[in-house]
């Protein structure tokens, strides 16, 4: 997402949650309703295929992008675009309802 200049960190979140404990790979973080709206607009304007333009499975394996074993096998990047496409309606609905989003990696 950073490589394509996505304006919001929809993987790790933007805001710390005061007093939050470590849930696995750090404490949970969140996006404010304004950040959710910005993300929804950016998703709507960006084709999912843009995430993988000019990138090969070997590039993702070398960068140790999870799941590394998948990229080491040379599998297509469809998994990346499919996950991105799944986020579009989720963020659209959250933005429509004025919701924030809680994010954590486990």
N, C-alpha and C. Protein backbone atom coordinates (compact mmCIF):
# COMPACT_ATOMS: atom_id res chain seq x y z
N UNK A 1 0.82 -1.19 0.00
CA UNK A 1 0.00 0.00 0.00
C UNK A 1 0.87 1.26 0.00
N UNK A 2 1.97 1.23 0.75
CA UNK A 2 2.86 2.40 0.77
C UNK A 2 3.46 2.63 -0.62
N UNK A 3 3.79 1.53 -1.31
CA UNK A 3 4.44 1.64 -2.61
C UNK A 3 3.58 2.41 -3.61
N UNK A 4 2.26 2.27 -3.52
CA UNK A 4 1.37 2.97 -4.45
C UNK A 4 0.87 4.29 -3.89
N UNK A 5 1.39 4.68 -2.73
CA UNK A 5 1.03 5.98 -2.16
C UNK A 5 -0.37 6.02 -1.56
N UNK A 6 -0.85 4.89 -1.06
CA UNK A 6 -2.18 4.87 -0.45
C UNK A 6 -2.17 5.83 0.74
N UNK A 7 -3.17 6.68 0.88
CA UNK A 7 -3.11 7.76 1.86
C UNK A 7 -3.34 7.37 3.32
N UNK A 8 -3.79 6.14 3.57
CA UNK A 8 -4.12 5.71 4.93
C UNK A 8 -3.51 4.33 5.15
N UNK A 9 -2.98 4.09 6.33
CA UNK A 9 -2.43 2.78 6.65
C UNK A 9 -3.57 1.86 7.08
N UNK A 10 -4.12 1.12 6.09
CA UNK A 10 -5.24 0.22 6.35
C UNK A 10 -4.77 -1.15 6.81
N UNK A 11 -3.48 -1.34 6.96
CA UNK A 11 -2.95 -2.61 7.46
C UNK A 11 -2.70 -2.52 8.96
N UNK A 12 -1.96 -1.53 9.38
CA UNK A 12 -1.59 -1.39 10.79
C UNK A 12 -2.39 -0.33 11.53
N UNK A 13 -3.11 0.52 10.81
CA UNK A 13 -3.86 1.58 11.45
C UNK A 13 -3.03 2.84 11.63
N UNK A 14 -3.68 3.92 11.92
CA UNK A 14 -3.03 5.22 12.04
C UNK A 14 -2.94 5.71 13.48
N UNK A 15 -3.96 5.42 14.28
CA UNK A 15 -4.05 6.00 15.62
C UNK A 15 -3.76 4.95 16.68
N UNK A 16 -2.97 5.32 17.65
CA UNK A 16 -2.77 4.45 18.82
C UNK A 16 -4.03 4.46 19.65
N UNK A 17 -4.28 3.37 20.32
CA UNK A 17 -5.40 3.29 21.24
C UNK A 17 -4.81 3.39 22.64
N UNK A 18 -5.07 4.48 23.34
CA UNK A 18 -4.46 4.67 24.67
C UNK A 18 -4.70 3.48 25.59
N UNK A 19 -3.63 3.00 26.21
CA UNK A 19 -3.72 1.92 27.18
C UNK A 19 -3.89 0.54 26.59
N UNK A 20 -3.88 0.42 25.27
CA UNK A 20 -4.07 -0.90 24.65
C UNK A 20 -2.83 -1.76 24.86
N UNK A 21 -3.07 -2.99 25.24
CA UNK A 21 -1.99 -3.96 25.41
C UNK A 21 -1.60 -4.56 24.06
N UNK A 22 -0.45 -5.23 24.04
CA UNK A 22 0.02 -5.92 22.85
C UNK A 22 -0.87 -7.13 22.59
N UNK A 23 -1.45 -7.23 21.41
CA UNK A 23 -2.35 -8.33 21.07
C UNK A 23 -1.67 -9.38 20.22
N UNK A 24 -0.44 -9.22 19.86
CA UNK A 24 0.30 -10.21 19.07
C UNK A 24 1.47 -9.51 18.40
N UNK A 25 1.20 -8.80 17.35
CA UNK A 25 2.23 -8.03 16.65
C UNK A 25 2.11 -6.56 17.02
N UNK A 26 1.99 -6.29 18.28
CA UNK A 26 1.82 -4.93 18.75
C UNK A 26 0.39 -4.70 19.18
N UNK A 27 0.14 -3.55 19.77
CA UNK A 27 -1.23 -3.25 20.21
C UNK A 27 -2.13 -2.93 19.02
N UNK A 28 -3.43 -3.09 19.20
CA UNK A 28 -4.34 -2.71 18.12
C UNK A 28 -4.26 -1.21 17.89
N UNK A 29 -4.59 -0.80 16.68
CA UNK A 29 -4.63 0.60 16.31
C UNK A 29 -5.97 0.84 15.63
N UNK A 30 -6.25 2.08 15.29
CA UNK A 30 -7.53 2.35 14.66
C UNK A 30 -7.41 3.42 13.59
N UNK A 31 -8.50 3.53 12.86
CA UNK A 31 -8.69 4.62 11.91
C UNK A 31 -9.90 5.42 12.36
N UNK A 32 -9.79 6.72 12.32
CA UNK A 32 -10.92 7.58 12.65
C UNK A 32 -11.94 7.54 11.51
N UNK A 33 -13.16 7.98 11.75
CA UNK A 33 -14.14 8.03 10.66
C UNK A 33 -13.63 8.84 9.46
N UNK A 34 -12.91 9.93 9.69
CA UNK A 34 -12.36 10.71 8.56
C UNK A 34 -11.32 9.90 7.79
N UNK A 35 -10.48 9.14 8.50
CA UNK A 35 -9.48 8.31 7.83
C UNK A 35 -10.15 7.17 7.07
N UNK A 36 -11.22 6.63 7.62
CA UNK A 36 -11.98 5.58 6.93
C UNK A 36 -12.56 6.14 5.63
N UNK A 37 -13.10 7.33 5.69
CA UNK A 37 -13.67 7.97 4.51
C UNK A 37 -12.58 8.21 3.44
N UNK A 38 -11.40 8.66 3.88
CA UNK A 38 -10.29 8.87 2.95
C UNK A 38 -9.88 7.54 2.31
N UNK A 39 -9.81 6.49 3.11
CA UNK A 39 -9.45 5.16 2.59
C UNK A 39 -10.50 4.67 1.60
N UNK A 40 -11.77 4.83 1.92
CA UNK A 40 -12.84 4.38 1.02
C UNK A 40 -12.76 5.09 -0.32
N UNK A 41 -12.51 6.40 -0.29
CA UNK A 41 -12.37 7.16 -1.54
C UNK A 41 -11.16 6.69 -2.33
N UNK A 42 -10.05 6.41 -1.64
CA UNK A 42 -8.84 5.95 -2.32
C UNK A 42 -9.04 4.56 -2.92
N UNK A 43 -9.73 3.66 -2.18
CA UNK A 43 -10.02 2.34 -2.73
C UNK A 43 -10.88 2.45 -3.98
N UNK A 44 -11.88 3.32 -3.95
CA UNK A 44 -12.78 3.48 -5.09
C UNK A 44 -12.04 4.00 -6.33
N UNK A 45 -11.00 4.78 -6.11
CA UNK A 45 -10.27 5.37 -7.23
C UNK A 45 -9.11 4.51 -7.72
N UNK A 46 -8.78 3.43 -6.99
CA UNK A 46 -7.59 2.65 -7.33
C UNK A 46 -7.98 1.23 -7.72
N UNK A 47 -7.68 0.83 -8.96
CA UNK A 47 -7.90 -0.58 -9.30
C UNK A 47 -6.98 -1.46 -8.45
N UNK A 48 -7.48 -2.59 -7.97
CA UNK A 48 -6.68 -3.48 -7.13
C UNK A 48 -5.41 -3.93 -7.85
N UNK A 49 -5.47 -4.07 -9.14
CA UNK A 49 -4.30 -4.52 -9.91
C UNK A 49 -3.13 -3.55 -9.79
N UNK A 50 -3.40 -2.33 -9.41
CA UNK A 50 -2.31 -1.35 -9.26
C UNK A 50 -1.32 -1.80 -8.18
N UNK A 51 -1.81 -2.53 -7.17
CA UNK A 51 -0.92 -2.98 -6.09
C UNK A 51 0.17 -3.91 -6.60
N UNK A 52 -0.09 -4.63 -7.66
CA UNK A 52 0.87 -5.62 -8.12
C UNK A 52 1.57 -5.23 -9.42
N UNK A 53 1.30 -4.05 -9.94
CA UNK A 53 1.97 -3.61 -11.16
C UNK A 53 3.48 -3.56 -10.95
N UNK A 54 4.21 -4.22 -11.83
CA UNK A 54 5.66 -4.19 -11.77
C UNK A 54 6.26 -5.01 -10.65
N UNK A 55 5.47 -5.86 -10.01
CA UNK A 55 5.93 -6.67 -8.89
C UNK A 55 5.80 -8.14 -9.26
N UNK A 56 6.77 -8.93 -8.86
CA UNK A 56 6.72 -10.37 -9.09
C UNK A 56 6.62 -11.09 -7.75
N UNK A 57 6.22 -12.36 -7.77
CA UNK A 57 6.24 -13.13 -6.52
C UNK A 57 7.64 -13.15 -5.90
N UNK A 58 8.67 -13.19 -6.72
CA UNK A 58 10.04 -13.18 -6.19
C UNK A 58 10.33 -11.88 -5.45
N UNK A 59 9.79 -10.76 -5.93
CA UNK A 59 9.98 -9.48 -5.24
C UNK A 59 9.36 -9.53 -3.83
N UNK A 60 8.16 -10.09 -3.74
CA UNK A 60 7.48 -10.18 -2.45
C UNK A 60 8.21 -11.14 -1.51
N UNK A 61 8.72 -12.23 -2.05
CA UNK A 61 9.48 -13.17 -1.22
C UNK A 61 10.74 -12.51 -0.70
N UNK A 62 11.45 -11.78 -1.56
CA UNK A 62 12.68 -11.11 -1.15
C UNK A 62 12.42 -10.05 -0.09
N UNK A 63 11.27 -9.40 -0.17
CA UNK A 63 10.90 -8.37 0.82
C UNK A 63 10.28 -8.99 2.07
N UNK A 64 10.16 -10.31 2.09
CA UNK A 64 9.58 -11.04 3.23
C UNK A 64 8.15 -10.60 3.53
N UNK A 65 7.38 -10.42 2.47
CA UNK A 65 5.97 -10.06 2.60
C UNK A 65 5.17 -11.34 2.87
N UNK A 66 4.40 -11.33 3.95
CA UNK A 66 3.61 -12.49 4.33
C UNK A 66 2.52 -12.76 3.30
N UNK A 67 2.24 -13.98 2.93
CA UNK A 67 2.87 -15.24 3.31
C UNK A 67 4.04 -15.58 2.40
N UNK A 68 5.22 -15.45 2.89
CA UNK A 68 6.45 -15.61 2.11
C UNK A 68 6.49 -16.92 1.35
N UNK A 69 6.06 -18.01 1.95
CA UNK A 69 6.12 -19.32 1.29
C UNK A 69 5.33 -19.33 -0.01
N UNK A 70 4.23 -18.59 -0.06
CA UNK A 70 3.42 -18.52 -1.28
C UNK A 70 4.22 -17.86 -2.40
N UNK A 71 4.90 -16.78 -2.08
CA UNK A 71 5.68 -16.06 -3.10
C UNK A 71 6.92 -16.85 -3.49
N UNK A 72 7.51 -17.57 -2.53
CA UNK A 72 8.67 -18.41 -2.86
C UNK A 72 8.31 -19.50 -3.85
N UNK A 73 7.07 -19.98 -3.79
CA UNK A 73 6.60 -20.99 -4.75
C UNK A 73 6.27 -20.37 -6.10
N UNK A 74 6.25 -19.03 -6.17
CA UNK A 74 5.97 -18.35 -7.43
C UNK A 74 4.50 -18.28 -7.79
N UNK A 75 3.65 -18.41 -6.78
CA UNK A 75 2.22 -18.35 -7.07
C UNK A 75 1.81 -16.97 -7.55
N UNK A 76 0.75 -16.88 -8.34
CA UNK A 76 0.32 -15.58 -8.86
C UNK A 76 -0.09 -14.63 -7.75
N UNK A 77 -0.11 -13.37 -8.09
CA UNK A 77 -0.41 -12.32 -7.12
C UNK A 77 -1.91 -12.07 -6.95
N UNK A 78 -2.72 -13.00 -7.41
CA UNK A 78 -4.17 -12.87 -7.28
C UNK A 78 -4.61 -12.71 -5.83
N UNK A 79 -3.88 -13.32 -4.92
CA UNK A 79 -4.25 -13.22 -3.50
C UNK A 79 -4.19 -11.77 -3.03
N UNK A 80 -3.20 -11.04 -3.51
CA UNK A 80 -3.06 -9.63 -3.12
C UNK A 80 -4.24 -8.82 -3.63
N UNK A 81 -4.56 -8.96 -4.91
CA UNK A 81 -5.66 -8.18 -5.46
C UNK A 81 -7.00 -8.61 -4.89
N UNK A 82 -7.17 -9.91 -4.61
CA UNK A 82 -8.44 -10.37 -4.04
C UNK A 82 -8.67 -9.77 -2.65
N UNK A 83 -7.62 -9.72 -1.84
CA UNK A 83 -7.78 -9.12 -0.50
C UNK A 83 -8.08 -7.62 -0.60
N UNK A 84 -7.43 -6.96 -1.53
CA UNK A 84 -7.68 -5.53 -1.72
C UNK A 84 -9.13 -5.31 -2.16
N UNK A 85 -9.59 -6.11 -3.11
CA UNK A 85 -10.97 -5.97 -3.59
C UNK A 85 -11.98 -6.23 -2.47
N UNK A 86 -11.65 -7.12 -1.55
CA UNK A 86 -12.55 -7.41 -0.43
C UNK A 86 -12.67 -6.23 0.53
N UNK A 87 -11.65 -5.39 0.58
CA UNK A 87 -11.68 -4.23 1.47
C UNK A 87 -12.57 -3.11 0.95
N UNK A 88 -12.77 -3.06 -0.35
CA UNK A 88 -13.53 -1.95 -0.95
C UNK A 88 -14.93 -1.83 -0.36
N UNK A 89 -15.77 -2.88 -0.40
CA UNK A 89 -17.12 -2.72 0.16
C UNK A 89 -17.11 -2.53 1.68
N UNK A 90 -16.13 -3.13 2.35
CA UNK A 90 -16.04 -2.99 3.81
C UNK A 90 -15.81 -1.52 4.17
N UNK A 91 -14.82 -0.89 3.53
CA UNK A 91 -14.53 0.51 3.83
C UNK A 91 -15.63 1.43 3.32
N UNK A 92 -16.26 1.09 2.20
CA UNK A 92 -17.37 1.90 1.69
C UNK A 92 -18.51 1.92 2.71
N UNK A 93 -18.85 0.75 3.26
CA UNK A 93 -19.94 0.67 4.25
C UNK A 93 -19.57 1.40 5.54
N UNK A 94 -18.33 1.23 6.00
CA UNK A 94 -17.90 1.92 7.22
C UNK A 94 -17.94 3.43 7.02
N UNK A 95 -17.48 3.90 5.86
CA UNK A 95 -17.50 5.34 5.58
C UNK A 95 -18.94 5.86 5.51
N UNK A 96 -19.79 5.10 4.84
CA UNK A 96 -21.20 5.50 4.72
C UNK A 96 -21.86 5.65 6.09
N UNK A 97 -21.51 4.76 7.02
CA UNK A 97 -22.10 4.77 8.35
C UNK A 97 -21.37 5.66 9.34
N UNK A 98 -20.28 6.30 8.89
CA UNK A 98 -19.54 7.19 9.78
C UNK A 98 -18.72 6.46 10.83
N UNK A 99 -18.35 5.22 10.54
CA UNK A 99 -17.63 4.41 11.51
C UNK A 99 -16.12 4.56 11.41
N UNK A 100 -15.46 4.34 12.53
CA UNK A 100 -14.02 4.14 12.56
C UNK A 100 -13.75 2.66 12.37
N UNK A 101 -12.47 2.29 12.30
CA UNK A 101 -12.10 0.88 12.11
C UNK A 101 -10.98 0.53 13.07
N UNK A 102 -11.12 -0.62 13.72
CA UNK A 102 -10.09 -1.15 14.60
C UNK A 102 -9.26 -2.14 13.80
N UNK A 103 -7.91 -2.05 13.92
CA UNK A 103 -7.02 -2.94 13.16
C UNK A 103 -6.00 -3.57 14.08
N UNK A 104 -5.73 -4.84 13.86
CA UNK A 104 -4.62 -5.51 14.54
C UNK A 104 -4.21 -6.71 13.72
N UNK A 105 -2.99 -7.11 13.88
CA UNK A 105 -2.44 -8.29 13.20
C UNK A 105 -2.27 -9.37 14.26
N UNK A 106 -2.78 -10.55 13.98
CA UNK A 106 -2.62 -11.64 14.95
C UNK A 106 -2.05 -12.86 14.27
